[in-house]
Amino acid sequence: EVAHEHHAQFKQGMVLLHSHGQHLLVNPGIVDSIVEKAGLQPTDTVLEVGPGTGNLTLKMLPRVARVIAIELDPRMVVELRKRVQGTEFERKLQIIHGDFMKVSLPFFDICVSNTPYQISSPLVFKLLEHRPLFRCAVLMFQREFAMRLVAKPGDELYCRLSANTQLLARVDHLLKVGKNNFRPPPKVESDVVRLEPRNPPPPINYVEWNGLIKLCFGRKNKTLGAIFRQSKILEMIQENYRTYCALHNVTVPTPAPDMREVVTNVLTSSEFIERRSSKLDTDDFLRLLAAFNEANIHFA
């Protein structure tokens, strides 16, 4: 309900809704920096999420073949259409009025966006799951979220988000953006990052990967030996083992293998038993997953 929204008054009388993450980027210097760092090409189709009143959109239109802007707020759709109406750029702009998380994404070469912060994580993974793969995405996020994306093993902010994103993309930090560059100013600072999808993507079962990563980062500073000694985890692995054997016509030996012993052997032989998730990179986790799978241990 709009009556219950925390809101700010836009200079033209438009009420900006915090529930939509509406903070307009108004510093033209920052807008120019984002456009320059995107490396736009004249043949590019650019996807923009949450264009707002079009400050970033209008800087990109002269440089590319097409901009496809996805906007949830009908008032912003009207404002954006007004700004290009009757200009040479009108034919180059396609506006999709809808929720980014619900619409089918069209083909695009690059995504450039002042991202609505409340959909940051689902937006990243919807983009990275999109096919065909795009060249790169240049995205603005709340600072802590951006720092988690780029965090390396051993960093305090290194987490599941870091590992899951870096499995699928190279992630680079591009630019710090202070909150006073927005109207209304958000409560937090922002950063711009660049995602470049790995092409081809790693040939793994992503459901299994997510299952393993969730377990490992549940207590990221404990050793893997300690994590995988927990009875609940061993019970889950035992159940997955039975399911895997049933689905793949693998005969379960009698007596059934002691999963604690099997897991310990895998971790020891692969030299992970004393290592901690907070210090492992994506290649380490891929090796760990492969070692478990070789012993018919699965996480999905």
Protein backbone atom coordinates (compact mmCIF):
# COMPACT_ATOMS: atom_id res chain seq x y z
CA GLU A 1 0.00 0.00 0.00
CA VAL A 2 1.42 3.34 -1.06
CA ALA A 3 0.08 4.95 2.13
CA HIS A 4 2.44 2.76 4.14
CA GLU A 5 5.49 3.25 1.92
CA HIS A 6 8.55 5.05 3.17
CA HIS A 7 8.94 7.48 0.32
CA ALA A 8 10.83 10.49 -0.92
CA GLN A 9 9.59 13.29 -3.10
CA PHE A 10 11.05 13.38 -6.61
CA LYS A 11 11.79 16.89 -7.86
CA GLN A 12 9.01 16.65 -10.48
CA GLY A 13 6.47 15.52 -7.90
CA MET A 14 6.96 11.77 -8.42
CA VAL A 15 7.00 9.73 -5.23
CA LEU A 16 9.95 7.30 -5.19
CA LEU A 17 9.13 4.05 -3.42
CA HIS A 18 11.75 2.43 -1.20
CA SER A 19 9.96 -0.91 -1.60
CA HIS A 20 11.01 -0.80 -5.26
CA GLY A 21 14.56 0.20 -4.39
CA GLN A 22 14.10 3.48 -6.25
CA HIS A 23 17.22 5.59 -5.83
CA LEU A 24 17.95 7.56 -8.98
CA LEU A 25 21.60 7.92 -9.96
CA VAL A 26 21.90 11.66 -10.64
CA ASN A 27 25.66 12.33 -10.80
CA PRO A 28 26.47 12.51 -14.53
CA GLY A 29 30.15 11.80 -13.83
CA ILE A 30 29.29 8.43 -12.27
CA VAL A 31 26.89 7.65 -15.11
CA ASP A 32 29.66 8.40 -17.63
CA SER A 33 32.12 6.19 -15.72
CA ILE A 34 29.72 3.24 -15.76
CA VAL A 35 29.10 3.63 -19.48
CA GLU A 36 32.84 3.87 -20.22
CA LYS A 37 33.71 0.82 -18.11
CA ALA A 38 31.00 -1.23 -19.83
CA GLY A 39 32.99 -1.25 -23.07
CA LEU A 40 29.90 -0.81 -25.23
CA GLN A 41 30.09 -1.56 -28.96
CA PRO A 42 27.96 -0.05 -31.76
CA THR A 43 26.40 -3.44 -32.56
CA ASP A 44 25.45 -4.25 -28.94
CA THR A 45 22.00 -4.98 -27.61
CA VAL A 46 22.06 -3.80 -23.98
CA LEU A 47 19.75 -5.06 -21.24
CA GLU A 48 19.03 -2.52 -18.50
CA VAL A 49 17.18 -3.49 -15.32
CA GLY A 50 15.34 -0.74 -13.47
CA PRO A 51 16.14 2.22 -15.74
CA GLY A 52 14.13 4.66 -13.63
CA THR A 53 13.85 7.99 -15.45
CA GLY A 54 16.56 7.02 -17.91
CA ASN A 55 19.74 8.86 -16.89
CA LEU A 56 21.88 5.81 -17.68
CA THR A 57 19.67 4.75 -20.60
CA LEU A 58 20.10 8.02 -22.48
CA LYS A 59 23.89 7.85 -22.14
CA MET A 60 23.96 4.37 -23.67
CA LEU A 61 21.52 4.84 -26.56
CA PRO A 62 23.93 6.83 -28.81
CA ARG A 63 26.62 4.16 -28.40
CA VAL A 64 24.74 0.92 -29.11
CA ALA A 65 22.32 -0.66 -31.55
CA ARG A 66 19.54 -1.16 -29.01
CA VAL A 67 18.63 -0.86 -25.33
CA ILE A 68 16.02 -3.15 -23.80
CA ALA A 69 14.90 -1.68 -20.46
CA ILE A 70 12.88 -3.70 -17.94
CA GLU A 71 10.92 -1.46 -15.56
CA LEU A 72 8.34 -2.42 -12.93
CA ASP A 73 6.98 1.06 -12.13
CA PRO A 74 4.49 2.29 -14.77
CA ARG A 75 5.26 5.92 -13.90
CA MET A 76 8.92 5.38 -14.76
CA VAL A 77 7.90 3.73 -18.03
CA VAL A 78 5.94 6.86 -18.96
CA GLU A 79 8.82 9.15 -17.94
CA LEU A 80 11.35 7.16 -19.97
CA ARG A 81 9.14 7.12 -23.06
CA LYS A 82 8.72 10.91 -22.79
CA ARG A 83 12.48 11.43 -22.76
CA VAL A 84 13.05 9.64 -26.07
CA GLN A 85 9.78 10.58 -27.80
CA GLY A 86 10.42 12.30 -31.11
CA THR A 87 14.19 11.77 -30.93
CA GLU A 88 16.47 9.65 -33.09
CA PHE A 89 16.79 7.24 -30.16
CA GLU A 90 13.10 6.36 -29.85
CA ARG A 91 13.38 3.43 -32.29
CA LYS A 92 16.46 2.08 -30.44
CA LEU A 93 14.71 1.75 -27.07
CA GLN A 94 12.45 -1.16 -26.16
CA ILE A 95 10.74 -0.96 -22.77
CA ILE A 96 9.41 -4.10 -21.09
CA HIS A 97 6.95 -3.14 -18.36
CA GLY A 98 7.17 -5.92 -15.80
CA ASP A 99 8.99 -7.63 -12.94
CA PHE A 100 12.53 -8.64 -13.98
CA MET A 101 12.26 -11.87 -11.99
CA LYS A 102 9.07 -12.89 -13.85
CA VAL A 103 9.75 -11.86 -17.45
CA SER A 104 11.51 -14.03 -20.03
CA LEU A 105 14.78 -12.37 -20.90
CA PRO A 106 15.44 -11.56 -24.55
CA PHE A 107 18.80 -11.96 -26.28
CA PHE A 108 21.35 -9.35 -25.17
CA ASP A 109 25.11 -8.81 -25.46
CA ILE A 110 25.67 -6.92 -22.25
CA CYS A 111 23.73 -5.93 -19.15
CA VAL A 112 24.29 -2.50 -17.60
CA SER A 113 22.21 -1.60 -14.60
CA ASN A 114 21.71 0.45 -11.46
CA THR A 115 20.26 -2.66 -9.84
CA PRO A 116 17.20 -2.57 -7.54
CA TYR A 117 19.03 -3.76 -4.42
CA GLN A 118 16.27 -5.97 -3.05
CA ILE A 119 16.62 -8.35 -6.02
CA SER A 120 20.43 -8.35 -6.13
CA SER A 121 21.07 -12.06 -5.52
CA PRO A 122 18.23 -13.51 -7.65
CA LEU A 123 19.12 -11.04 -10.42
CA VAL A 124 22.75 -12.21 -10.54
CA PHE A 125 21.80 -15.87 -10.88
CA LYS A 126 18.98 -15.25 -13.34
CA LEU A 127 21.50 -13.45 -15.54
CA LEU A 128 24.13 -16.17 -15.18
CA GLU A 129 21.59 -18.89 -16.01
CA HIS A 130 20.50 -17.07 -19.18
CA ARG A 131 21.31 -18.65 -22.53
CA PRO A 132 22.87 -17.82 -24.87
CA LEU A 133 25.62 -16.41 -22.67
CA PHE A 134 26.11 -12.64 -22.74
CA ARG A 135 29.50 -10.93 -22.93
CA CYS A 136 29.47 -9.22 -19.55
CA ALA A 137 27.32 -7.39 -17.01
CA VAL A 138 28.22 -4.10 -15.32
CA LEU A 139 26.03 -3.80 -12.25
CA MET A 140 25.62 -1.45 -9.30
CA PHE A 141 24.98 -3.08 -5.92
CA GLN A 142 24.87 -2.22 -2.23
CA ARG A 143 28.50 -2.19 -1.07
CA GLU A 144 28.43 -5.24 1.21
CA PHE A 145 26.72 -7.36 -1.45
CA ALA A 146 29.26 -6.23 -4.06
CA MET A 147 32.13 -7.03 -1.71
CA ARG A 148 30.73 -10.53 -1.14
CA LEU A 149 30.63 -11.08 -4.89
CA VAL A 150 34.31 -10.21 -5.32
CA ALA A 151 35.58 -11.68 -2.01
CA LYS A 152 38.44 -14.17 -2.27
CA PRO A 153 39.18 -17.21 -0.07
CA GLY A 154 40.44 -16.00 3.29
CA ASP A 155 38.51 -12.70 3.13
CA GLU A 156 36.05 -12.10 5.97
CA LEU A 157 33.15 -11.66 3.52
CA TYR A 158 33.93 -14.80 1.48
CA CYS A 159 30.75 -16.90 1.53
CA ARG A 160 28.37 -19.12 -0.47
CA LEU A 161 27.46 -16.17 -2.68
CA SER A 162 31.14 -15.62 -3.52
CA ALA A 163 31.76 -19.27 -4.42
CA ASN A 164 28.52 -19.72 -6.37
CA THR A 165 29.06 -16.55 -8.41
CA GLN A 166 32.75 -17.17 -9.07
CA LEU A 167 31.98 -20.69 -10.25
CA LEU A 168 29.93 -19.21 -13.10
CA ALA A 169 31.68 -15.90 -13.76
CA ARG A 170 34.82 -13.86 -13.37
CA VAL A 171 33.97 -11.01 -10.99
CA ASP A 172 35.84 -7.69 -10.85
CA HIS A 173 35.33 -4.57 -8.76
CA LEU A 174 35.12 -1.44 -10.92
CA LEU A 175 33.97 1.59 -8.95
CA LYS A 176 32.91 2.89 -5.54
CA VAL A 177 29.79 5.08 -5.55
CA GLY A 178 28.91 7.24 -2.54
CA LYS A 179 25.29 7.47 -1.43
CA ASN A 180 25.13 11.22 -2.17
CA ASN A 181 25.26 10.45 -5.89
CA PHE A 182 21.62 9.27 -5.66
CA ARG A 183 18.26 10.95 -5.12
CA PRO A 184 17.03 10.15 -2.58
CA PRO A 185 20.32 9.02 -1.01
CA PRO A 186 20.16 5.37 0.14
CA LYS A 187 21.29 4.44 3.64
CA VAL A 188 24.34 2.55 2.33
CA GLU A 189 27.23 3.08 -0.05
CA SER A 190 27.27 1.34 -3.43
CA ASP A 191 29.78 -0.30 -5.76
CA VAL A 192 29.90 -1.26 -9.42
CA VAL A 193 31.13 -4.73 -10.38
CA ARG A 194 31.69 -6.53 -13.67
CA LEU A 195 30.55 -10.12 -14.25
CA GLU A 196 31.98 -12.04 -17.18
CA PRO A 197 30.30 -15.46 -17.59
CA ARG A 198 32.65 -18.42 -17.90
CA ASN A 199 32.32 -19.76 -21.42
CA PRO A 200 31.82 -22.65 -21.54
CA PRO A 201 30.25 -23.02 -18.08
CA PRO A 202 31.74 -25.74 -15.86
CA PRO A 203 30.21 -29.14 -16.82
CA ILE A 204 28.84 -30.09 -13.41
CA ASN A 205 25.54 -30.87 -11.73
CA TYR A 206 24.65 -27.49 -10.20
CA VAL A 207 22.11 -28.98 -7.80
CA GLU A 208 24.88 -31.16 -6.37
CA TRP A 209 27.28 -28.22 -6.28
CA ASN A 210 24.75 -26.15 -4.32
CA GLY A 211 24.18 -29.03 -1.91
CA LEU A 212 27.89 -29.34 -1.18
CA ILE A 213 28.49 -25.58 -0.91
CA LYS A 214 25.55 -25.15 1.48
CA LEU A 215 27.01 -27.79 3.81
CA CYS A 216 30.54 -26.42 3.62
CA PHE A 217 29.58 -22.80 4.32
CA GLY A 218 27.15 -23.67 7.10
CA ARG A 219 30.21 -23.41 9.37
CA LYS A 220 32.84 -22.05 7.02
CA ASN A 221 35.60 -21.69 9.61
CA LYS A 222 35.41 -25.29 10.86
CA THR A 223 37.55 -27.96 9.23
CA LEU A 224 35.80 -30.11 6.64
CA GLY A 225 36.63 -33.11 8.83
CA ALA A 226 34.57 -31.60 11.66
CA ILE A 227 31.70 -30.58 9.37
CA PHE A 228 31.34 -34.01 7.80
CA ARG A 229 31.50 -35.82 11.15
CA GLN A 230 28.14 -34.36 12.16
CA SER A 231 25.50 -37.08 12.52
CA LYS A 232 22.80 -35.18 10.58
CA ILE A 233 25.11 -34.71 7.62
CA LEU A 234 26.18 -38.37 7.69
CA GLU A 235 22.52 -39.45 7.79
CA MET A 236 21.76 -37.26 4.77
CA ILE A 237 24.75 -38.68 2.87
CA GLN A 238 23.65 -42.23 3.74
CA GLU A 239 20.13 -41.57 2.44
CA ASN A 240 21.50 -39.98 -0.75
CA TYR A 241 23.77 -43.00 -1.22
CA ARG A 242 20.82 -45.41 -1.05
CA THR A 243 18.83 -43.25 -3.48
CA TYR A 244 21.74 -43.00 -5.92
CA CYS A 245 22.28 -46.77 -5.86
CA ALA A 246 18.58 -47.45 -6.44
CA LEU A 247 18.36 -45.02 -9.36
CA HIS A 248 21.54 -46.32 -11.03
CA ASN A 249 21.05 -50.06 -10.39
CA VAL A 250 24.09 -50.17 -8.12
CA THR A 251 23.99 -53.05 -5.65
CA VAL A 252 24.38 -51.86 -2.06
CA PRO A 253 26.95 -54.13 -0.36
CA THR A 254 26.04 -56.12 2.74
CA PRO A 255 26.74 -54.84 5.28
CA ALA A 256 26.20 -51.30 3.98
CA PRO A 257 29.32 -49.14 4.02
CA ASP A 258 30.04 -47.07 7.12
CA MET A 259 29.53 -43.55 5.75
CA ARG A 260 31.63 -41.97 8.47
CA GLU A 261 34.55 -44.12 7.35
CA VAL A 262 33.90 -43.53 3.63
CA VAL A 263 33.67 -39.75 4.08
CA THR A 264 36.81 -39.68 6.23
CA ASN A 265 38.70 -41.69 3.62
CA VAL A 266 37.60 -39.31 0.84
CA LEU A 267 38.61 -36.21 2.81
CA THR A 268 41.93 -37.75 3.85
CA SER A 269 42.94 -39.06 0.42
CA SER A 270 42.03 -35.76 -1.24
CA GLU A 271 43.87 -33.81 1.50
CA PHE A 272 40.81 -31.77 2.49
CA ILE A 273 40.19 -33.16 5.99
CA GLU A 274 41.99 -30.32 7.81
CA ARG A 275 41.04 -27.57 5.36
CA ARG A 276 38.34 -24.97 5.91
CA SER A 277 35.69 -23.74 3.48
CA SER A 278 36.65 -20.13 4.14
CA LYS A 279 40.02 -20.81 2.49
CA LEU A 280 38.88 -22.91 -0.51
CA ASP A 281 38.41 -21.49 -4.01
CA THR A 282 36.02 -22.80 -6.67
CA ASP A 283 38.65 -25.17 -8.12
CA ASP A 284 39.10 -26.68 -4.65
CA PHE A 285 35.36 -27.22 -4.28
CA LEU A 286 35.17 -28.79 -7.75
CA ARG A 287 37.96 -31.23 -6.79
CA LEU A 288 36.19 -31.99 -3.51
CA LEU A 289 32.88 -32.66 -5.27
CA ALA A 290 34.61 -34.92 -7.80
CA ALA A 291 36.30 -36.89 -5.00
CA PHE A 292 32.97 -37.42 -3.22
CA ASN A 293 31.22 -38.42 -6.45
CA GLU A 294 33.92 -40.95 -7.24
CA ALA A 295 33.02 -42.66 -3.97
CA ASN A 296 29.29 -42.54 -4.93
CA ILE A 297 28.66 -39.78 -2.39
CA HIS A 298 26.19 -37.21 -3.73
CA PHE A 299 24.55 -34.05 -2.45
CA ALA A 300 21.29 -34.01 -4.39
